[in-house]
N, C-alpha and C. Protein backbone atom coordinates (compact mmCIF):
# COMPACT_ATOMS: atom_id res chain seq x y z
N MET A 1 40.15 243.29 38.55
CA MET A 1 41.24 244.02 39.18
C MET A 1 40.76 244.46 40.57
N VAL A 2 41.59 244.18 41.57
CA VAL A 2 41.24 244.58 42.93
C VAL A 2 42.18 245.62 43.51
N TYR A 3 43.38 245.75 42.95
CA TYR A 3 44.37 246.70 43.47
C TYR A 3 45.25 247.17 42.32
N ARG A 4 45.66 248.45 42.39
CA ARG A 4 46.54 249.00 41.36
C ARG A 4 47.52 249.98 41.99
N PHE A 5 48.79 249.85 41.60
CA PHE A 5 49.85 250.77 42.01
C PHE A 5 50.38 251.42 40.74
N ASN A 6 49.99 252.66 40.48
CA ASN A 6 50.29 253.32 39.21
C ASN A 6 51.78 253.57 38.99
N ALA A 7 52.54 253.74 40.06
CA ALA A 7 53.97 254.06 39.92
C ALA A 7 54.81 252.86 39.51
N ILE A 8 54.21 251.70 39.31
CA ILE A 8 54.97 250.51 38.96
C ILE A 8 55.67 250.68 37.61
N ARG A 9 55.07 251.44 36.71
CA ARG A 9 55.72 251.67 35.40
C ARG A 9 57.01 252.45 35.57
N ALA A 10 56.99 253.45 36.45
CA ALA A 10 58.22 254.22 36.71
C ALA A 10 59.28 253.32 37.32
N PHE A 11 58.89 252.43 38.22
CA PHE A 11 59.85 251.50 38.80
C PHE A 11 60.39 250.53 37.75
N GLY A 12 59.58 250.17 36.76
CA GLY A 12 60.05 249.33 35.67
C GLY A 12 61.11 250.04 34.84
N VAL A 13 60.90 251.32 34.58
CA VAL A 13 61.90 252.10 33.83
C VAL A 13 63.18 252.24 34.65
N ILE A 14 63.04 252.50 35.94
CA ILE A 14 64.22 252.61 36.81
C ILE A 14 64.98 251.29 36.83
N SER A 15 64.26 250.19 36.91
CA SER A 15 64.90 248.88 36.91
C SER A 15 65.66 248.63 35.61
N TRP A 16 65.05 248.95 34.48
CA TRP A 16 65.73 248.78 33.20
C TRP A 16 66.96 249.67 33.10
N LEU A 17 66.83 250.93 33.54
CA LEU A 17 67.97 251.85 33.51
C LEU A 17 69.10 251.36 34.41
N LYS A 18 68.76 250.77 35.54
CA LYS A 18 69.78 250.25 36.46
C LYS A 18 70.52 249.08 35.81
N VAL A 19 69.82 248.23 35.11
CA VAL A 19 70.47 247.12 34.39
C VAL A 19 71.41 247.68 33.33
N ALA A 20 70.95 248.68 32.58
CA ALA A 20 71.78 249.28 31.53
C ALA A 20 73.01 249.98 32.13
N GLN A 21 72.81 250.71 33.21
CA GLN A 21 73.93 251.41 33.85
C GLN A 21 74.96 250.42 34.39
N THR A 22 74.51 249.34 34.98
CA THR A 22 75.43 248.32 35.49
C THR A 22 76.18 247.66 34.34
N ALA A 23 75.49 247.36 33.27
CA ALA A 23 76.14 246.73 32.11
C ALA A 23 77.23 247.65 31.54
N VAL A 24 76.92 248.92 31.41
CA VAL A 24 77.91 249.86 30.87
C VAL A 24 79.13 249.95 31.78
N SER A 25 78.89 250.07 33.09
CA SER A 25 80.03 250.22 34.01
C SER A 25 80.88 248.95 34.07
N VAL A 26 80.28 247.79 33.95
CA VAL A 26 81.04 246.54 33.98
C VAL A 26 81.77 246.32 32.65
N ILE A 27 81.15 246.72 31.54
CA ILE A 27 81.80 246.57 30.23
C ILE A 27 82.98 247.53 30.09
N VAL A 28 82.86 248.71 30.66
CA VAL A 28 83.92 249.72 30.55
C VAL A 28 85.11 249.36 31.45
N LEU A 29 84.90 248.56 32.47
CA LEU A 29 85.96 248.22 33.42
C LEU A 29 87.19 247.58 32.76
N PRO A 30 87.06 246.61 31.87
CA PRO A 30 88.26 246.07 31.20
C PRO A 30 89.03 247.12 30.40
N VAL A 31 88.31 248.09 29.85
CA VAL A 31 88.98 249.18 29.14
C VAL A 31 89.84 249.97 30.12
N GLY A 32 89.32 250.19 31.33
CA GLY A 32 90.08 250.89 32.36
C GLY A 32 91.35 250.13 32.73
N TYR A 33 91.24 248.81 32.87
CA TYR A 33 92.43 248.01 33.18
C TYR A 33 93.45 248.08 32.04
N TYR A 34 92.97 248.05 30.81
CA TYR A 34 93.87 248.17 29.66
C TYR A 34 94.57 249.52 29.67
N LEU A 35 93.80 250.59 29.91
CA LEU A 35 94.40 251.92 29.96
C LEU A 35 95.41 252.04 31.10
N TYR A 36 95.15 251.39 32.21
CA TYR A 36 96.10 251.40 33.33
C TYR A 36 97.40 250.69 32.93
N LEU A 37 97.26 249.54 32.31
CA LEU A 37 98.44 248.78 31.89
C LEU A 37 99.26 249.53 30.84
N GLN A 38 98.60 250.36 30.05
CA GLN A 38 99.29 251.16 29.03
C GLN A 38 99.87 252.46 29.61
N GLY A 39 99.55 252.74 30.89
CA GLY A 39 100.06 253.94 31.54
C GLY A 39 99.24 255.19 31.29
N HIS A 40 98.02 255.05 30.76
CA HIS A 40 97.17 256.20 30.48
C HIS A 40 96.17 256.50 31.60
N MET A 41 96.21 255.68 32.64
CA MET A 41 95.27 255.85 33.75
C MET A 41 96.01 255.61 35.06
N THR A 42 95.70 256.39 36.07
CA THR A 42 96.35 256.21 37.37
C THR A 42 95.70 255.06 38.13
N LEU A 43 96.42 254.57 39.12
CA LEU A 43 95.89 253.48 39.94
C LEU A 43 94.67 253.94 40.72
N ASN A 44 94.68 255.17 41.22
CA ASN A 44 93.52 255.68 41.96
C ASN A 44 92.29 255.75 41.06
N SER A 45 92.46 256.13 39.82
CA SER A 45 91.33 256.18 38.88
C SER A 45 90.80 254.77 38.61
N LEU A 46 91.71 253.81 38.53
CA LEU A 46 91.30 252.42 38.33
C LEU A 46 90.53 251.90 39.54
N TYR A 47 91.00 252.24 40.73
CA TYR A 47 90.27 251.87 41.95
C TYR A 47 88.87 252.49 41.96
N LEU A 48 88.79 253.74 41.56
CA LEU A 48 87.50 254.42 41.53
C LEU A 48 86.55 253.75 40.53
N ALA A 49 87.05 253.44 39.35
CA ALA A 49 86.23 252.78 38.33
C ALA A 49 85.78 251.40 38.81
N THR A 50 86.66 250.66 39.47
CA THR A 50 86.31 249.34 40.01
C THR A 50 85.27 249.48 41.11
N GLY A 51 85.44 250.47 41.97
CA GLY A 51 84.47 250.71 43.04
C GLY A 51 83.10 251.08 42.51
N VAL A 52 83.07 251.92 41.49
CA VAL A 52 81.79 252.32 40.88
C VAL A 52 81.11 251.11 40.25
N ALA A 53 81.85 250.29 39.54
CA ALA A 53 81.27 249.10 38.92
C ALA A 53 80.78 248.11 39.97
N GLY A 54 81.56 247.93 41.03
CA GLY A 54 81.13 247.03 42.10
C GLY A 54 79.89 247.53 42.81
N PHE A 55 79.86 248.84 43.10
CA PHE A 55 78.69 249.43 43.75
C PHE A 55 77.46 249.32 42.86
N ALA A 56 77.62 249.54 41.56
CA ALA A 56 76.50 249.41 40.61
C ALA A 56 75.97 247.99 40.60
N LEU A 57 76.85 247.01 40.67
CA LEU A 57 76.43 245.61 40.69
C LEU A 57 75.67 245.27 41.97
N VAL A 58 76.17 245.74 43.11
CA VAL A 58 75.49 245.49 44.38
C VAL A 58 74.12 246.16 44.39
N MET A 59 74.05 247.40 43.92
CA MET A 59 72.77 248.11 43.89
C MET A 59 71.79 247.46 42.92
N LEU A 60 72.28 246.92 41.82
CA LEU A 60 71.41 246.21 40.89
C LEU A 60 70.79 245.01 41.57
N CYS A 61 71.59 244.25 42.30
CA CYS A 61 71.06 243.07 43.00
C CYS A 61 70.02 243.48 44.04
N TRP A 62 70.31 244.50 44.82
CA TRP A 62 69.39 244.93 45.87
C TRP A 62 68.10 245.48 45.27
N MET A 63 68.21 246.37 44.27
CA MET A 63 67.02 246.96 43.66
C MET A 63 66.20 245.90 42.94
N SER A 64 66.86 244.99 42.28
CA SER A 64 66.14 243.93 41.58
C SER A 64 65.38 243.05 42.56
N TYR A 65 66.01 242.74 43.68
CA TYR A 65 65.34 241.94 44.72
C TYR A 65 64.06 242.61 45.17
N PHE A 66 64.10 243.92 45.39
CA PHE A 66 62.93 244.66 45.85
C PHE A 66 61.90 244.83 44.73
N PHE A 67 62.33 245.27 43.56
CA PHE A 67 61.39 245.55 42.47
C PHE A 67 60.67 244.31 41.98
N ARG A 68 61.31 243.15 42.04
CA ARG A 68 60.66 241.92 41.60
C ARG A 68 59.54 241.50 42.54
N ARG A 69 59.52 242.03 43.74
CA ARG A 69 58.51 241.68 44.73
C ARG A 69 57.45 242.77 44.92
N LEU A 70 57.61 243.90 44.27
CA LEU A 70 56.67 245.01 44.40
C LEU A 70 55.47 244.77 43.49
N VAL A 71 54.27 244.80 44.07
CA VAL A 71 53.05 244.50 43.35
C VAL A 71 52.58 245.73 42.57
N GLY A 72 52.28 245.51 41.30
CA GLY A 72 51.73 246.57 40.47
C GLY A 72 50.22 246.49 40.39
N ILE A 73 49.71 245.29 40.12
CA ILE A 73 48.27 245.07 40.00
C ILE A 73 47.93 243.71 40.60
N LEU A 74 46.80 243.64 41.27
CA LEU A 74 46.26 242.38 41.78
C LEU A 74 44.93 242.11 41.09
N TYR A 75 44.77 240.89 40.62
CA TYR A 75 43.52 240.46 40.01
C TYR A 75 43.03 239.22 40.75
N VAL A 76 41.71 239.06 40.79
CA VAL A 76 41.11 237.83 41.29
C VAL A 76 40.15 237.35 40.21
N ASN A 77 40.17 236.04 39.93
CA ASN A 77 39.28 235.53 38.89
C ASN A 77 37.82 235.62 39.34
N GLU A 78 36.90 235.40 38.42
CA GLU A 78 35.46 235.57 38.70
C GLU A 78 34.98 234.71 39.86
N SER A 79 35.50 233.48 39.95
CA SER A 79 35.05 232.59 41.03
C SER A 79 35.76 232.89 42.36
N GLY A 80 36.75 233.78 42.34
CA GLY A 80 37.44 234.16 43.58
C GLY A 80 38.39 233.11 44.11
N THR A 81 38.93 232.27 43.23
CA THR A 81 39.80 231.18 43.68
C THR A 81 41.27 231.38 43.36
N VAL A 82 41.58 232.24 42.37
CA VAL A 82 42.96 232.43 41.95
C VAL A 82 43.31 233.92 42.00
N LEU A 83 44.44 234.20 42.62
CA LEU A 83 44.97 235.57 42.68
C LEU A 83 46.10 235.69 41.66
N ARG A 84 46.01 236.71 40.81
CA ARG A 84 47.07 236.98 39.83
C ARG A 84 47.80 238.24 40.30
N VAL A 85 49.09 238.10 40.52
CA VAL A 85 49.92 239.20 40.99
C VAL A 85 50.79 239.67 39.83
N ALA A 86 50.59 240.92 39.42
CA ALA A 86 51.42 241.50 38.36
C ALA A 86 52.55 242.28 39.04
N HIS A 87 53.78 241.87 38.74
CA HIS A 87 54.96 242.50 39.34
C HIS A 87 56.03 242.61 38.26
N LEU A 88 57.21 243.06 38.62
CA LEU A 88 58.27 243.27 37.65
C LEU A 88 59.22 242.07 37.60
N SER A 89 59.78 241.86 36.42
CA SER A 89 60.84 240.87 36.28
C SER A 89 62.18 241.56 36.52
N PHE A 90 63.26 240.80 36.45
CA PHE A 90 64.60 241.35 36.61
C PHE A 90 64.86 242.46 35.61
N TRP A 91 64.32 242.34 34.41
CA TRP A 91 64.58 243.28 33.32
C TRP A 91 63.64 244.48 33.36
N GLY A 92 62.73 244.56 34.33
CA GLY A 92 61.82 245.69 34.43
C GLY A 92 60.54 245.53 33.64
N ARG A 93 60.27 244.34 33.18
CA ARG A 93 59.04 244.06 32.43
C ARG A 93 58.01 243.43 33.37
N ARG A 94 56.77 243.47 32.93
CA ARG A 94 55.68 242.90 33.72
C ARG A 94 55.77 241.38 33.71
N GLN A 95 55.51 240.80 34.88
CA GLN A 95 55.49 239.36 35.03
C GLN A 95 54.30 239.02 35.92
N ASP A 96 53.54 238.02 35.55
CA ASP A 96 52.37 237.61 36.33
C ASP A 96 52.67 236.32 37.08
N THR A 97 52.25 236.28 38.33
CA THR A 97 52.37 235.09 39.15
C THR A 97 50.98 234.73 39.65
N TYR A 98 50.63 233.46 39.55
CA TYR A 98 49.32 233.00 39.96
C TYR A 98 49.44 232.18 41.24
N CYS A 99 48.51 232.38 42.15
CA CYS A 99 48.49 231.56 43.36
C CYS A 99 47.04 231.38 43.81
N PRO A 100 46.73 230.23 44.40
CA PRO A 100 45.38 230.01 44.89
C PRO A 100 45.08 230.95 46.06
N VAL A 101 43.86 231.46 46.10
CA VAL A 101 43.47 232.39 47.15
C VAL A 101 43.54 231.72 48.52
N VAL A 102 43.27 230.42 48.59
CA VAL A 102 43.32 229.73 49.89
C VAL A 102 44.75 229.66 50.43
N ASP A 103 45.75 229.84 49.57
CA ASP A 103 47.15 229.82 50.00
C ASP A 103 47.65 231.20 50.42
N VAL A 104 46.84 232.25 50.17
CA VAL A 104 47.24 233.61 50.50
C VAL A 104 46.90 233.90 51.95
N MET A 105 47.89 234.35 52.70
CA MET A 105 47.71 234.68 54.11
C MET A 105 46.99 236.02 54.23
N PRO A 106 45.89 236.10 55.00
CA PRO A 106 45.22 237.39 55.19
C PRO A 106 46.15 238.41 55.85
N LEU A 107 45.96 239.66 55.52
CA LEU A 107 46.82 240.71 56.07
C LEU A 107 46.69 240.81 57.58
N THR A 108 45.56 240.33 58.12
CA THR A 108 45.38 240.36 59.58
C THR A 108 46.29 239.37 60.29
N GLU A 109 46.81 238.38 59.57
CA GLU A 109 47.70 237.38 60.16
C GLU A 109 49.18 237.77 60.04
N THR A 110 49.48 238.84 59.34
CA THR A 110 50.85 239.29 59.22
C THR A 110 51.14 240.31 60.31
N LYS A 111 52.40 240.62 60.50
CA LYS A 111 52.81 241.57 61.54
C LYS A 111 52.73 243.01 61.06
N ASP A 112 52.38 243.22 59.79
CA ASP A 112 52.37 244.56 59.22
C ASP A 112 51.18 245.37 59.73
N GLN A 113 51.39 246.66 59.89
CA GLN A 113 50.34 247.58 60.29
C GLN A 113 49.70 248.17 59.03
N PRO A 114 48.39 248.47 59.04
CA PRO A 114 47.73 249.02 57.85
C PRO A 114 48.32 250.35 57.38
N GLN A 115 48.87 251.13 58.29
CA GLN A 115 49.44 252.42 57.91
C GLN A 115 50.89 252.30 57.44
N SER A 116 51.45 251.11 57.41
CA SER A 116 52.81 250.89 56.93
C SER A 116 52.91 251.24 55.45
N THR A 117 54.08 251.70 55.03
CA THR A 117 54.27 252.00 53.62
C THR A 117 54.19 250.74 52.79
N LEU A 118 54.83 249.67 53.24
CA LEU A 118 54.79 248.39 52.52
C LEU A 118 54.18 247.32 53.41
N MET A 119 53.32 246.52 52.81
CA MET A 119 52.72 245.38 53.51
C MET A 119 53.07 244.12 52.73
N CYS A 120 53.33 243.05 53.45
CA CYS A 120 53.70 241.78 52.82
C CYS A 120 52.47 240.98 52.42
N ILE A 121 52.54 240.40 51.24
CA ILE A 121 51.57 239.39 50.82
C ILE A 121 52.32 238.08 50.91
N ARG A 122 51.92 237.27 51.84
CA ARG A 122 52.61 235.99 52.05
C ARG A 122 51.69 234.83 51.69
N GLN A 123 52.31 233.71 51.40
CA GLN A 123 51.57 232.49 51.12
C GLN A 123 51.84 231.50 52.25
N TYR A 124 50.84 230.71 52.58
CA TYR A 124 51.03 229.67 53.61
C TYR A 124 52.10 228.68 53.17
N SER A 125 52.18 228.42 51.87
CA SER A 125 53.18 227.48 51.38
C SER A 125 54.58 228.08 51.40
N GLY A 126 54.68 229.39 51.58
CA GLY A 126 55.98 230.04 51.68
C GLY A 126 56.72 230.17 50.37
N LYS A 127 56.03 230.01 49.24
CA LYS A 127 56.71 230.04 47.94
C LYS A 127 57.28 231.41 47.63
N GLN A 128 56.47 232.46 47.72
CA GLN A 128 56.93 233.79 47.38
C GLN A 128 56.32 234.81 48.33
N THR A 129 57.00 235.93 48.47
CA THR A 129 56.52 237.07 49.24
C THR A 129 56.50 238.27 48.33
N PHE A 130 55.41 239.00 48.34
CA PHE A 130 55.29 240.23 47.56
C PHE A 130 55.00 241.38 48.51
N TYR A 131 55.22 242.59 48.02
CA TYR A 131 54.95 243.79 48.81
C TYR A 131 53.97 244.67 48.08
N LEU A 132 53.00 245.20 48.82
CA LEU A 132 52.10 246.18 48.24
C LEU A 132 52.02 247.38 49.17
N THR A 133 51.70 248.51 48.60
CA THR A 133 51.59 249.73 49.39
C THR A 133 50.16 250.23 49.33
N LEU A 134 49.51 250.23 50.47
CA LEU A 134 48.15 250.76 50.54
C LEU A 134 48.16 252.28 50.62
N ARG A 135 49.27 252.82 51.06
CA ARG A 135 49.40 254.27 51.19
C ARG A 135 49.47 254.93 49.81
N HIS A 136 50.20 254.31 48.88
CA HIS A 136 50.40 254.90 47.56
C HIS A 136 49.63 254.18 46.46
N GLY A 137 49.14 253.00 46.74
CA GLY A 137 48.36 252.24 45.77
C GLY A 137 46.88 252.51 45.99
N HIS A 138 46.06 251.89 45.16
CA HIS A 138 44.62 252.13 45.20
C HIS A 138 43.87 250.80 45.15
N ILE A 139 43.01 250.58 46.12
CA ILE A 139 42.14 249.40 46.11
C ILE A 139 40.97 249.72 45.18
N VAL A 140 40.86 248.98 44.09
CA VAL A 140 39.84 249.23 43.08
C VAL A 140 38.52 248.57 43.48
N ASP A 141 38.58 247.34 43.96
CA ASP A 141 37.38 246.60 44.36
C ASP A 141 37.56 246.16 45.81
N LYS A 142 37.04 246.98 46.72
CA LYS A 142 37.24 246.73 48.15
C LYS A 142 36.63 245.40 48.60
N GLU A 143 35.49 245.05 48.04
CA GLU A 143 34.82 243.80 48.43
C GLU A 143 35.67 242.58 48.12
N ARG A 144 36.19 242.51 46.89
CA ARG A 144 37.04 241.36 46.51
C ARG A 144 38.37 241.39 47.24
N PHE A 145 38.91 242.58 47.45
CA PHE A 145 40.16 242.71 48.20
C PHE A 145 39.97 242.15 49.61
N THR A 146 38.85 242.48 50.23
CA THR A 146 38.56 241.98 51.57
C THR A 146 38.35 240.48 51.58
N GLN A 147 37.77 239.92 50.52
CA GLN A 147 37.58 238.47 50.43
C GLN A 147 38.92 237.74 50.43
N VAL A 148 39.92 238.33 49.79
CA VAL A 148 41.23 237.67 49.68
C VAL A 148 42.09 237.96 50.90
N PHE A 149 42.16 239.23 51.32
CA PHE A 149 43.13 239.64 52.34
C PHE A 149 42.52 239.95 53.71
N GLY A 150 41.22 239.90 53.84
CA GLY A 150 40.58 240.24 55.11
C GLY A 150 40.47 241.75 55.26
N GLU A 151 39.88 242.16 56.36
CA GLU A 151 39.74 243.59 56.66
C GLU A 151 41.12 244.17 56.91
N VAL A 152 41.41 245.26 56.24
CA VAL A 152 42.73 245.88 56.34
C VAL A 152 42.91 246.58 57.66
N GLY A 153 41.88 247.20 58.19
CA GLY A 153 42.01 248.00 59.40
C GLY A 153 41.98 247.21 60.70
N THR A 154 41.65 245.91 60.66
CA THR A 154 41.53 245.14 61.90
C THR A 154 42.82 244.44 62.24
N ARG A 155 43.07 244.29 63.50
CA ARG A 155 44.28 243.59 64.00
C ARG A 155 43.85 242.60 65.06
N ARG A 156 44.56 241.49 65.16
CA ARG A 156 44.28 240.49 66.19
C ARG A 156 45.13 240.75 67.41
């Protein structure tokens, strides 16, 4: 283990709750339309319910996009050739992604500043981009972290 972000579990719970909240609001929406057709609900209330469900769906997409790219733990194998990135899935569960260390772009080659809240982990192949926070996360093994990402404090 070279890096750990302890708050990733809280983000997993938030992600799961957001999925559940969106599901409930979208499932309840047909009931609202039925109640409107029966005359038990006003049109303004129906608009409000539709707006809440639509907003919940948009926020689910946005939050899921961000949470799936937020790094919880970084591992490097013993030989230093493979980086394992532990991040969240759409459902808020842990998902591991493996990539060769030679394909990982050093942080010195990115436009991010070391004091930034989020820094991008990019691959030369452009397959995926992840985000890690050095401000709120903890580098467990500085030597291995430097082998993969270069010196954090230096800029070109």
